[in-house]
């Protein structure tokens, strides 16, 4: 166990560097300073972060260019409303999906603003994810429900973490990745603009590569890549660092690179 922890810690140190940013989708929220811009960019970019890495970066860049200097202003002004629904943004994510996201975010921000005591009170999407237990799964469910409320239905691009039978809960990889960017404050890669949620509350962003590497290392033995497996893997990683288990995303990513 100590040897494995040392190995993973060394990979975290190797990969959690400024050099990591330029080839990763996390580069896009780094372009902004306003908290609302960073939030919007984090969720949108994470949502299209699957498939070929070069394609992800190219398409994310095009999407943000369309939104101008302030993604928040673009969303709140309804700049997306006249877009052609059928135009592709990234793989199966089309303008209609982009508009779904923008419309949902616009309603959420309006609701958050209306709940503020005054314009001087800070509000952000973090409020959507907060609950007494600091349960990020419940936060994701709340976020998903609010997006559905704004659009009159759910989207396949916002995963369902519900574990209610007969359906298994999704691993919600892309949402957990956005949360990692927003909550972890390592001073290097992750931005950590949200201060009420803690890194210890986060769940590992699980994709097929991280799952395969985790099984190869003996961290998990469960075959399904779902919510239960995310919880099992995160619990195991907490044995190495209970305050910041998700930092090992950098390590598992590093192993994936070496084995690919």
C-alpha atoms as a PDB file:
ATOM      1  CA  UNK A   1       0.000   0.000   0.000  1.00  0.00           C
ATOM      2  CA  UNK A   2       2.795   2.433   0.887  1.00  0.00           C
ATOM      3  CA  UNK A   3       4.614   1.604  -2.346  1.00  0.00           C
ATOM      4  CA  UNK A   4       1.464   2.296  -4.364  1.00  0.00           C
ATOM      5  CA  UNK A   5       0.834   5.563  -2.526  1.00  0.00           C
ATOM      6  CA  UNK A   6       4.423   6.650  -3.178  1.00  0.00           C
ATOM      7  CA  UNK A   7       4.079   5.733  -6.844  1.00  0.00           C
ATOM      8  CA  UNK A   8       0.848   7.682  -7.220  1.00  0.00           C
ATOM      9  CA  UNK A   9       2.196  10.666  -5.282  1.00  0.00           C
ATOM     10  CA  UNK A  10       5.184  10.801  -7.633  1.00  0.00           C
ATOM     11  CA  UNK A  11       2.849  10.859 -10.641  1.00  0.00           C
ATOM     12  CA  UNK A  12       0.774  13.646  -9.103  1.00  0.00           C
ATOM     13  CA  UNK A  13       3.941  15.694  -8.647  1.00  0.00           C
ATOM     14  CA  UNK A  14       5.004  14.938 -12.209  1.00  0.00           C
ATOM     15  CA  UNK A  15       1.723  15.822 -13.891  1.00  0.00           C
ATOM     16  CA  UNK A  16       0.212  18.528 -11.679  1.00  0.00           C
ATOM     17  CA  UNK A  17       2.314  21.266 -13.265  1.00  0.00           C
ATOM     18  CA  UNK A  18       1.781  24.407 -15.328  1.00  0.00           C
ATOM     19  CA  UNK A  19       2.939  22.496 -18.389  1.00  0.00           C
ATOM     20  CA  UNK A  20      -0.118  20.235 -18.011  1.00  0.00           C
ATOM     21  CA  UNK A  21      -2.491  23.131 -18.685  1.00  0.00           C
ATOM     22  CA  UNK A  22      -1.598  23.856 -22.309  1.00  0.00           C
ATOM     23  CA  UNK A  23      -2.661  20.412 -23.538  1.00  0.00           C
ATOM     24  CA  UNK A  24      -5.737  19.997 -21.328  1.00  0.00           C
ATOM     25  CA  UNK A  25      -9.266  21.460 -21.494  1.00  0.00           C
ATOM     26  CA  UNK A  26      -8.619  23.147 -18.124  1.00  0.00           C
ATOM     27  CA  UNK A  27      -6.745  25.794 -20.123  1.00  0.00           C
ATOM     28  CA  UNK A  28     -10.054  27.416 -21.109  1.00  0.00           C
ATOM     29  CA  UNK A  29     -11.390  28.475 -17.689  1.00  0.00           C
ATOM     30  CA  UNK A  30      -7.873  29.753 -16.988  1.00  0.00           C
ATOM     31  CA  UNK A  31      -8.458  32.437 -19.614  1.00  0.00           C
ATOM     32  CA  UNK A  32     -11.001  34.258 -17.446  1.00  0.00           C
ATOM     33  CA  UNK A  33     -10.992  36.149 -14.158  1.00  0.00           C
ATOM     34  CA  UNK A  34     -14.698  36.709 -13.479  1.00  0.00           C
ATOM     35  CA  UNK A  35     -16.199  33.913 -11.372  1.00  0.00           C
ATOM     36  CA  UNK A  36     -19.304  33.587 -13.547  1.00  0.00           C
ATOM     37  CA  UNK A  37     -17.259  33.335 -16.748  1.00  0.00           C
ATOM     38  CA  UNK A  38     -15.075  30.657 -15.166  1.00  0.00           C
ATOM     39  CA  UNK A  39     -18.105  28.657 -14.009  1.00  0.00           C
ATOM     40  CA  UNK A  40     -19.834  28.737 -17.378  1.00  0.00           C
ATOM     41  CA  UNK A  41     -16.682  27.855 -19.286  1.00  0.00           C
ATOM     42  CA  UNK A  42     -15.828  25.039 -16.877  1.00  0.00           C
ATOM     43  CA  UNK A  43     -19.176  23.310 -17.296  1.00  0.00           C
ATOM     44  CA  UNK A  44     -19.472  23.846 -21.030  1.00  0.00           C
ATOM     45  CA  UNK A  45     -15.921  22.747 -21.829  1.00  0.00           C
ATOM     46  CA  UNK A  46     -16.108  19.753 -19.493  1.00  0.00           C
ATOM     47  CA  UNK A  47     -19.361  18.743 -21.202  1.00  0.00           C
ATOM     48  CA  UNK A  48     -17.636  18.394 -24.585  1.00  0.00           C
ATOM     49  CA  UNK A  49     -14.418  16.901 -23.159  1.00  0.00           C
ATOM     50  CA  UNK A  50     -14.628  13.438 -24.633  1.00  0.00           C
ATOM     51  CA  UNK A  51     -13.009  11.845 -27.660  1.00  0.00           C
ATOM     52  CA  UNK A  52      -9.911  13.042 -29.500  1.00  0.00           C
ATOM     53  CA  UNK A  53      -8.024  15.556 -27.378  1.00  0.00           C
ATOM     54  CA  UNK A  54      -7.009  17.784 -30.294  1.00  0.00           C
ATOM     55  CA  UNK A  55     -10.610  17.905 -31.478  1.00  0.00           C
ATOM     56  CA  UNK A  56     -11.812  18.767 -27.963  1.00  0.00           C
ATOM     57  CA  UNK A  57      -9.436  21.708 -27.732  1.00  0.00           C
ATOM     58  CA  UNK A  58     -10.231  22.986 -31.230  1.00  0.00           C
ATOM     59  CA  UNK A  59     -13.987  22.765 -30.758  1.00  0.00           C
ATOM     60  CA  UNK A  60     -13.898  24.258 -27.266  1.00  0.00           C
ATOM     61  CA  UNK A  61     -11.928  27.184 -28.626  1.00  0.00           C
ATOM     62  CA  UNK A  62     -14.491  27.754 -31.398  1.00  0.00           C
ATOM     63  CA  UNK A  63     -17.362  27.540 -28.929  1.00  0.00           C
ATOM     64  CA  UNK A  64     -15.827  30.163 -26.647  1.00  0.00           C
ATOM     65  CA  UNK A  65     -14.943  32.469 -29.547  1.00  0.00           C
ATOM     66  CA  UNK A  66     -18.640  32.449 -30.407  1.00  0.00           C
ATOM     67  CA  UNK A  67     -19.428  33.664 -26.871  1.00  0.00           C
ATOM     68  CA  UNK A  68     -17.143  36.694 -27.048  1.00  0.00           C
ATOM     69  CA  UNK A  69     -15.191  38.274 -24.207  1.00  0.00           C
ATOM     70  CA  UNK A  70     -17.696  37.419 -21.481  1.00  0.00           C
ATOM     71  CA  UNK A  71     -19.511  34.054 -21.631  1.00  0.00           C
ATOM     72  CA  UNK A  72     -21.668  35.262 -18.723  1.00  0.00           C
ATOM     73  CA  UNK A  73     -22.833  38.337 -20.645  1.00  0.00           C
ATOM     74  CA  UNK A  74     -23.454  36.142 -23.684  1.00  0.00           C
ATOM     75  CA  UNK A  75     -25.641  33.758 -21.674  1.00  0.00           C
ATOM     76  CA  UNK A  76     -27.571  36.453 -19.812  1.00  0.00           C
ATOM     77  CA  UNK A  77     -28.221  38.501 -22.968  1.00  0.00           C
ATOM     78  CA  UNK A  78     -29.595  35.468 -24.826  1.00  0.00           C
ATOM     79  CA  UNK A  79     -26.926  35.682 -27.506  1.00  0.00           C
ATOM     80  CA  UNK A  80     -27.413  32.003 -28.261  1.00  0.00           C
ATOM     81  CA  UNK A  81     -31.092  32.263 -29.236  1.00  0.00           C
ATOM     82  CA  UNK A  82     -30.608  32.750 -32.989  1.00  0.00           C
ATOM     83  CA  UNK A  83     -28.120  29.915 -33.476  1.00  0.00           C
ATOM     84  CA  UNK A  84     -28.844  27.154 -35.974  1.00  0.00           C
ATOM     85  CA  UNK A  85     -29.912  24.156 -33.867  1.00  0.00           C
ATOM     86  CA  UNK A  86     -28.498  21.627 -36.325  1.00  0.00           C
ATOM     87  CA  UNK A  87     -24.932  22.937 -36.417  1.00  0.00           C
ATOM     88  CA  UNK A  88     -22.427  20.648 -34.693  1.00  0.00           C
ATOM     89  CA  UNK A  89     -20.310  21.948 -31.833  1.00  0.00           C
ATOM     90  CA  UNK A  90     -18.528  18.720 -30.918  1.00  0.00           C
ATOM     91  CA  UNK A  91     -19.410  15.185 -31.959  1.00  0.00           C
ATOM     92  CA  UNK A  92     -22.987  14.609 -30.697  1.00  0.00           C
ATOM     93  CA  UNK A  93     -23.156  18.018 -29.001  1.00  0.00           C
ATOM     94  CA  UNK A  94     -24.994  20.413 -31.343  1.00  0.00           C
ATOM     95  CA  UNK A  95     -26.101  24.024 -31.097  1.00  0.00           C
ATOM     96  CA  UNK A  96     -29.440  22.829 -29.722  1.00  0.00           C
ATOM     97  CA  UNK A  97     -27.505  21.235 -26.834  1.00  0.00           C
ATOM     98  CA  UNK A  98     -25.399  24.356 -26.405  1.00  0.00           C
ATOM     99  CA  UNK A  99     -28.612  26.445 -26.300  1.00  0.00           C
ATOM    100  CA  UNK A 100     -30.078  24.030 -23.727  1.00  0.00           C
ATOM    101  CA  UNK A 101     -27.072  24.663 -21.485  1.00  0.00           C
ATOM    102  CA  UNK A 102     -27.150  28.423 -21.959  1.00  0.00           C
ATOM    103  CA  UNK A 103     -30.896  28.668 -21.340  1.00  0.00           C
ATOM    104  CA  UNK A 104     -30.571  26.600 -18.178  1.00  0.00           C
ATOM    105  CA  UNK A 105     -27.641  28.617 -16.870  1.00  0.00           C
ATOM    106  CA  UNK A 106     -29.469  31.855 -17.572  1.00  0.00           C
ATOM    107  CA  UNK A 107     -32.457  30.784 -15.479  1.00  0.00           C
ATOM    108  CA  UNK A 108     -30.243  29.537 -12.635  1.00  0.00           C
ATOM    109  CA  UNK A 109     -28.276  32.783 -12.486  1.00  0.00           C
ATOM    110  CA  UNK A 110     -31.507  34.800 -12.508  1.00  0.00           C
ATOM    111  CA  UNK A 111     -32.858  32.735  -9.626  1.00  0.00           C
ATOM    112  CA  UNK A 112     -29.613  33.064  -7.686  1.00  0.00           C
ATOM    113  CA  UNK A 113     -29.574  36.821  -8.232  1.00  0.00           C
ATOM    114  CA  UNK A 114     -33.198  37.186  -7.136  1.00  0.00           C
ATOM    115  CA  UNK A 115     -32.367  35.344  -3.899  1.00  0.00           C
ATOM    116  CA  UNK A 116     -29.513  37.710  -3.104  1.00  0.00           C
ATOM    117  CA  UNK A 117     -30.118  40.340  -0.449  1.00  0.00           C
ATOM    118  CA  UNK A 118     -28.589  42.969  -2.699  1.00  0.00           C
ATOM    119  CA  UNK A 119     -26.415  43.316  -5.770  1.00  0.00           C
ATOM    120  CA  UNK A 120     -23.435  43.419  -3.437  1.00  0.00           C
ATOM    121  CA  UNK A 121     -24.053  39.852  -2.243  1.00  0.00           C
ATOM    122  CA  UNK A 122     -21.909  37.307  -3.991  1.00  0.00           C
ATOM    123  CA  UNK A 123     -23.734  34.508  -5.775  1.00  0.00           C
ATOM    124  CA  UNK A 124     -22.445  31.711  -7.977  1.00  0.00           C
ATOM    125  CA  UNK A 125     -23.310  28.257  -9.265  1.00  0.00           C
ATOM    126  CA  UNK A 126     -21.723  26.853  -6.127  1.00  0.00           C
ATOM    127  CA  UNK A 127     -25.005  27.661  -4.369  1.00  0.00           C
ATOM    128  CA  UNK A 128     -26.708  25.059  -6.575  1.00  0.00           C
ATOM    129  CA  UNK A 129     -24.310  22.353  -5.391  1.00  0.00           C
ATOM    130  CA  UNK A 130     -24.412  23.114  -1.681  1.00  0.00           C
ATOM    131  CA  UNK A 131     -26.387  21.080   0.829  1.00  0.00           C
ATOM    132  CA  UNK A 132     -26.001  20.251   4.520  1.00  0.00           C
ATOM    133  CA  UNK A 133     -24.112  17.029   3.812  1.00  0.00           C
ATOM    134  CA  UNK A 134     -21.834  18.592   1.175  1.00  0.00           C
ATOM    135  CA  UNK A 135     -22.972  15.722  -1.044  1.00  0.00           C
ATOM    136  CA  UNK A 136     -21.806  16.502  -4.581  1.00  0.00           C
ATOM    137  CA  UNK A 137     -24.121  13.822  -6.014  1.00  0.00           C
ATOM    138  CA  UNK A 138     -27.111  15.704  -4.612  1.00  0.00           C
ATOM    139  CA  UNK A 139     -25.613  18.893  -6.001  1.00  0.00           C
ATOM    140  CA  UNK A 140     -25.416  17.355  -9.455  1.00  0.00           C
ATOM    141  CA  UNK A 141     -29.027  16.172  -9.160  1.00  0.00           C
ATOM    142  CA  UNK A 142     -30.098  19.691  -8.214  1.00  0.00           C
ATOM    143  CA  UNK A 143     -28.145  21.193 -11.113  1.00  0.00           C
ATOM    144  CA  UNK A 144     -29.665  18.673 -13.525  1.00  0.00           C
ATOM    145  CA  UNK A 145     -33.186  19.316 -12.235  1.00  0.00           C
ATOM    146  CA  UNK A 146     -32.833  23.083 -12.591  1.00  0.00           C
ATOM    147  CA  UNK A 147     -31.500  22.738 -16.135  1.00  0.00           C
ATOM    148  CA  UNK A 148     -34.462  20.495 -16.972  1.00  0.00           C
ATOM    149  CA  UNK A 149     -36.892  22.971 -15.402  1.00  0.00           C
ATOM    150  CA  UNK A 150     -35.561  25.745 -17.611  1.00  0.00           C
ATOM    151  CA  UNK A 151     -35.815  23.656 -20.775  1.00  0.00           C
ATOM    152  CA  UNK A 152     -38.875  21.522 -20.173  1.00  0.00           C
ATOM    153  CA  UNK A 153     -36.913  18.277 -20.055  1.00  0.00           C
ATOM    154  CA  UNK A 154     -33.570  16.616 -19.431  1.00  0.00           C
ATOM    155  CA  UNK A 155     -30.509  16.405 -21.680  1.00  0.00           C
ATOM    156  CA  UNK A 156     -28.364  13.369 -22.385  1.00  0.00           C
ATOM    157  CA  UNK A 157     -25.348  15.638 -21.980  1.00  0.00           C
ATOM    158  CA  UNK A 158     -26.055  16.183 -18.274  1.00  0.00           C
ATOM    159  CA  UNK A 159     -25.672  12.789 -16.659  1.00  0.00           C
ATOM    160  CA  UNK A 160     -28.071  11.359 -14.100  1.00  0.00           C
ATOM    161  CA  UNK A 161     -26.345  10.265 -10.870  1.00  0.00           C
ATOM    162  CA  UNK A 162     -29.478   8.707  -9.372  1.00  0.00           C
ATOM    163  CA  UNK A 163     -28.883   5.198  -8.033  1.00  0.00           C
ATOM    164  CA  UNK A 164     -32.565   4.356  -7.771  1.00  0.00           C
ATOM    165  CA  UNK A 165     -33.342   0.928  -9.164  1.00  0.00           C
ATOM    166  CA  UNK A 166     -33.776  -0.286 -11.817  1.00  0.00           C
ATOM    167  CA  UNK A 167     -31.362   2.292 -13.233  1.00  0.00           C
ATOM    168  CA  UNK A 168     -27.761   2.579 -12.091  1.00  0.00           C
ATOM    169  CA  UNK A 169     -26.365   5.996 -11.366  1.00  0.00           C
ATOM    170  CA  UNK A 170     -24.012   7.499 -13.898  1.00  0.00           C
ATOM    171  CA  UNK A 171     -20.362   8.120 -13.042  1.00  0.00           C
ATOM    172  CA  UNK A 172     -20.935  11.762 -14.143  1.00  0.00           C
ATOM    173  CA  UNK A 173     -17.298  11.991 -15.220  1.00  0.00           C
ATOM    174  CA  UNK A 174     -17.513  15.351 -16.984  1.00  0.00           C
ATOM    175  CA  UNK A 175     -19.448  17.025 -14.186  1.00  0.00           C
ATOM    176  CA  UNK A 176     -16.974  15.762 -11.594  1.00  0.00           C
ATOM    177  CA  UNK A 177     -14.140  17.090 -13.743  1.00  0.00           C
ATOM    178  CA  UNK A 178     -15.722  20.553 -13.814  1.00  0.00           C
ATOM    179  CA  UNK A 179     -16.153  20.375 -10.038  1.00  0.00           C
ATOM    180  CA  UNK A 180     -12.489  19.432  -9.652  1.00  0.00           C
ATOM    181  CA  UNK A 181     -11.475  22.526 -11.594  1.00  0.00           C
ATOM    182  CA  UNK A 182     -13.765  24.777  -9.549  1.00  0.00           C
ATOM    183  CA  UNK A 183     -13.132  23.391  -6.051  1.00  0.00           C
ATOM    184  CA  UNK A 184      -9.518  22.205  -5.882  1.00  0.00           C
ATOM    185  CA  UNK A 185      -7.099  25.079  -5.340  1.00  0.00           C
ATOM    186  CA  UNK A 186      -3.655  23.666  -5.961  1.00  0.00           C
ATOM    187  CA  UNK A 187      -2.309  27.001  -7.201  1.00  0.00           C
ATOM    188  CA  UNK A 188      -1.221  25.330 -10.420  1.00  0.00           C
ATOM    189  CA  UNK A 189      -3.821  23.527 -12.552  1.00  0.00           C
ATOM    190  CA  UNK A 190      -7.158  23.604 -10.735  1.00  0.00           C
ATOM    191  CA  UNK A 191      -8.618  27.063 -10.165  1.00  0.00           C
ATOM    192  CA  UNK A 192     -10.376  26.609  -6.799  1.00  0.00           C
ATOM    193  CA  UNK A 193     -12.731  29.588  -7.106  1.00  0.00           C
ATOM    194  CA  UNK A 194     -15.406  27.850  -5.014  1.00  0.00           C
ATOM    195  CA  UNK A 195     -14.612  28.026  -1.296  1.00  0.00           C
ATOM    196  CA  UNK A 196     -17.597  26.460   0.470  1.00  0.00           C
ATOM    197  CA  UNK A 197     -17.214  23.008  -1.023  1.00  0.00           C
ATOM    198  CA  UNK A 198     -13.980  21.272  -0.052  1.00  0.00           C
ATOM    199  CA  UNK A 199     -11.630  19.023  -2.051  1.00  0.00           C
ATOM    200  CA  UNK A 200     -12.473  16.239   0.431  1.00  0.00           C
ATOM    201  CA  UNK A 201     -16.085  16.368  -0.826  1.00  0.00           C
ATOM    202  CA  UNK A 202     -15.151  15.661  -4.439  1.00  0.00           C
ATOM    203  CA  UNK A 203     -15.452  12.425  -6.404  1.00  0.00           C
ATOM    204  CA  UNK A 204     -12.926  11.105  -8.903  1.00  0.00           C
ATOM    205  CA  UNK A 205     -13.789  11.826 -12.555  1.00  0.00           C
ATOM    206  CA  UNK A 206     -14.087   8.266 -13.867  1.00  0.00           C
ATOM    207  CA  UNK A 207     -13.759   7.408 -17.543  1.00  0.00           C
ATOM    208  CA  UNK A 208     -12.849   4.093 -19.180  1.00  0.00           C
ATOM    209  CA  UNK A 209      -9.126   4.888 -19.051  1.00  0.00           C
ATOM    210  CA  UNK A 210      -9.020   5.832 -15.375  1.00  0.00           C
ATOM    211  CA  UNK A 211     -11.168   2.800 -14.581  1.00  0.00           C
ATOM    212  CA  UNK A 212      -8.858   0.458 -16.496  1.00  0.00           C
ATOM    213  CA  UNK A 213      -5.752   1.835 -14.813  1.00  0.00           C
ATOM    214  CA  UNK A 214      -7.395   1.652 -11.384  1.00  0.00           C
ATOM    215  CA  UNK A 215      -8.229  -2.009 -11.926  1.00  0.00           C
ATOM    216  CA  UNK A 216      -4.704  -2.736 -13.167  1.00  0.00           C
ATOM    217  CA  UNK A 217      -3.330  -1.166  -9.978  1.00  0.00           C
ATOM    218  CA  UNK A 218      -5.724  -3.133  -7.773  1.00  0.00           C
ATOM    219  CA  UNK A 219      -7.550  -0.038  -6.528  1.00  0.00           C
ATOM    220  CA  UNK A 220     -10.913  -1.426  -7.624  1.00  0.00           C
ATOM    221  CA  UNK A 221     -12.172  -4.751  -8.925  1.00  0.00           C
ATOM    222  CA  UNK A 222     -15.728  -3.826  -9.891  1.00  0.00           C
ATOM    223  CA  UNK A 223     -16.395  -4.076 -13.641  1.00  0.00           C
ATOM    224  CA  UNK A 224     -19.077  -1.416 -14.110  1.00  0.00           C
ATOM    225  CA  UNK A 225     -18.041   2.205 -14.637  1.00  0.00           C
ATOM    226  CA  UNK A 226     -20.885   3.779 -12.682  1.00  0.00           C
ATOM    227  CA  UNK A 227     -21.582   5.832  -9.561  1.00  0.00           C
ATOM    228  CA  UNK A 228     -20.900   2.924  -7.210  1.00  0.00           C
ATOM    229  CA  UNK A 229     -17.474   2.393  -8.756  1.00  0.00           C
ATOM    230  CA  UNK A 230     -16.719   6.113  -8.468  1.00  0.00           C
ATOM    231  CA  UNK A 231     -17.555   5.966  -4.768  1.00  0.00           C
ATOM    232  CA  UNK A 232     -15.450   2.849  -4.246  1.00  0.00           C
ATOM    233  CA  UNK A 233     -12.425   4.314  -6.032  1.00  0.00           C
ATOM    234  CA  UNK A 234     -12.710   7.673  -4.287  1.00  0.00           C
ATOM    235  CA  UNK A 235     -12.980   5.908  -0.921  1.00  0.00           C
ATOM    236  CA  UNK A 236      -9.790   3.999  -1.716  1.00  0.00           C
ATOM    237  CA  UNK A 237      -7.981   7.182  -2.726  1.00  0.00           C
ATOM    238  CA  UNK A 238      -9.045   8.804   0.550  1.00  0.00           C
ATOM    239  CA  UNK A 239      -6.859   6.228   2.286  1.00  0.00           C
ATOM    240  CA  UNK A 240      -3.903   7.950   0.596  1.00  0.00           C
ATOM    241  CA  UNK A 241      -5.114  11.528   1.177  1.00  0.00           C
ATOM    242  CA  UNK A 242      -8.402  12.032   3.015  1.00  0.00           C
ATOM    243  CA  UNK A 243      -8.348  15.792   2.477  1.00  0.00           C
ATOM    244  CA  UNK A 244      -7.721  15.719  -1.279  1.00  0.00           C
ATOM    245  CA  UNK A 245      -8.369  12.287  -2.823  1.00  0.00           C
ATOM    246  CA  UNK A 246      -9.150  13.651  -6.279  1.00  0.00           C
ATOM    247  CA  UNK A 247      -5.596  14.923  -6.744  1.00  0.00           C
ATOM    248  CA  UNK A 248      -4.862  11.349  -7.788  1.00  0.00           C
ATOM    249  CA  UNK A 249      -6.729  12.050 -11.006  1.00  0.00           C
ATOM    250  CA  UNK A 250      -3.383  13.449 -12.150  1.00  0.00           C
ATOM    251  CA  UNK A 251      -1.674  10.189 -11.197  1.00  0.00           C
ATOM    252  CA  UNK A 252      -4.179   7.887 -12.890  1.00  0.00           C
ATOM    253  CA  UNK A 253      -4.019  10.093 -15.951  1.00  0.00           C
ATOM    254  CA  UNK A 254      -0.233   9.692 -15.911  1.00  0.00           C
ATOM    255  CA  UNK A 255      -0.429   5.919 -15.744  1.00  0.00           C
ATOM    256  CA  UNK A 256      -2.905   5.956 -18.598  1.00  0.00           C
ATOM    257  CA  UNK A 257      -0.469   7.926 -20.706  1.00  0.00           C
ATOM    258  CA  UNK A 258       2.391   5.538 -20.046  1.00  0.00           C
ATOM    259  CA  UNK A 259       0.319   2.461 -20.801  1.00  0.00           C
ATOM    260  CA  UNK A 260      -1.346   3.811 -23.944  1.00  0.00           C
END
